[in-house]
Each structure stands twice: as C-alpha cells, then as structure tokens.
Amino acid sequence: MSKRYLSFFVLTNDATRSRQYKIGVGRLKAFGTLGVLFSLVLTFVVIDYVRLRGDVSELAGLRTENTEQRIELQSFTTKIKSMETQIVKLNAFDRKLRIIANIEEPNRIGSGVAMKGVGGGSSAGAENFLMTPAGKVDQLVDQMRSEMNVLQAQADSQESSFTELQGQLMSQTSLLASTPSVWPVRGWVTSTFGQRISPFTGLPHQHKGLDIANRHGSTVKAPADGIVVKVARERILGKTITIKHGYGTKTIYGHLSKTLVRVGQKVKRGQKIAATGSTGRSTGPHLHYAVKVNGVMVNPSKYILN
C-alpha cells in the first residue's frame, strides 16, 4: 500500500516561485496525538499547580493563625504568673498586718495549693508554647483554665481576709498609728537583722537592727507616732534617739549626724527627727535602726509595710 501524503505549497508574493512540502498522514496523526497528550498533561500540571498554590496559601494562613494563638497563649500565661506573684505579695502583706494587729490567721480557701511566686514556673509556661504541637494547644488552654480557677479561689479568699482585717483594724487605729510600719530613711540595707560577721572584729555576732546606708545628712523620719524618751551620744551608736510608741514598742536610731527633737517631745509618723551620719563606731554614713518590743530586740522588717 502506497503512503499517503499531504502537500503544502509556499508561494512568493509575486507567485513566480513556489516550494512544495510533503508530510505523511501517519506522521501528522502522530503529531496530533502528541499535541493532544501534551495539552492534557499541561492542563493537569496547571490544575495541580493551582491546587498546590491554594494548599500553600491555606497552610500559610493556618501557620499564621497558629502563631497568633501561641502568642496569645504566651501573653495569657504571663498574666497568670503575674497574678500568682501579686497574690503572694498580698498574702505577705496580710500576714504583716496580722502580726502588727495581733490578729489570728484565717483558714484560707485553697491554702493547700502551693504558690510558685517570683521565679516559679507554671506547668503551662510561656516557654512551652513555641515548642508545643498545635494539637496540644487545647490541652494547655484547659490546664491554664484550671490554674485560673485556683487563682480565683485564692483571690476570693484574700479579699475575704482583707474585709475581715479592715473591720478589726478600724477599732485599732491607735495601735496602727503607733506601729513603726514605714521606713525611717530611704537607702540601701547594708546589714540585716540577725547573725553577721562584724566589720570591726571579723567575728560572728548578733546584729540587732537594720543598717540603712545613704548620703551624709539624709533626713530621718519617725516611722510612727510616739514620744521621744532619749537623745544621747553613746560610744558605739554615736548620736542616738529613742522613741516610745506605746504598746510596749520602742524604736532606736543610731550614728546620727544631727538630732532635731528633744526628750519629752511628741512626734508624728513622717516627722523629721534627725539626719544620717557616721558618729560612734561606724564605717560610713548610715542609719542603724532598731525596734524593741516588750524589752526584746526584734526584726524591724517584720513591721515595715511599704
């Protein structure tokens, strides 16, 4: 059987010359089949590309949403830690007030739950969120809700305690006014109450007050209402003042450069009574501040509220 061809003639513009091209029908069919297949493959590739673009866009959206959720959860857990810290501080403040007013501690709701406080780590900590698979985010949210419920119970208990405390303190205004509950001078506590190594002998001894360093001549104020019972100069404490506040409480101020009150004078909380110095046995300008209750030296920090 002879082969069948299709002939093509190409003419010049003036039709003076022509060229003939022949192509077999079988070859033409093969080219056509290949063209159809190529079109189908190209169509499939385009459709798949569009689908993949959609998937990538959706995945990017999900990742963005997931990141936003984790950032939100991170902020949420930071707030939880802040609440924990605030409740710890409120509990400490409550205890100080009760010590001052000699009021018994109440039975608190949720008192058996350990508070983590500053530096503590919640089990659903912020640092875990950026490492947590998205599927576990709901679990972390439930865990934080549980922690929030515990904190809410503790906050409610603290509010109830403060309400009770307020009622009892209203009838003890004289006691509160006579309690040394504020700092006599602002500065740096260089030595606390209790055992320490003496800067003079190098041996351990009991330090019966607070040493608060500040510039020479800084103002010393009365931490509570009272009557000045002593203004003197001593070998160790240098220039000193002693104030009697009532209820068995006295405060002592040492190493003063100047005294501004006299024996028998009544003073009010916040009134200027002296200036810091370095008189007596001292290594530099500071205030030695001591509190005596019923004849016994106690830690002044126990009474300071601010």
Foldseek 3Di string as FASTA:
>chain_A
DDFDWDKDWDADPVRPDIDIDIDTPVVVVVVVVVVVVVVVVVVVVVVVVVVVVVVVVVVVVVVVVLVVLLVVVQVVQVVLLVLLQVLVLLVLLLVLLCVLVVNDDDDAVLPVPDRQHPPGADPLHSVCSVVDDSVCSVVSVVSVVVSVVSSVSSVVRSVVSVVVSVVSVVVVVLSVQLFLAAAQFDAAFPDFFAWDQDPVPRHIDGQLFTKGADDFFGWGWRSHKFFWADFDADQAFGTKTKTDRDQQKIKMKGQFPFADDDGGDIHGHGHTGTTWHHGHPGDTTIITMWMAGNRHTDGSVSRHND
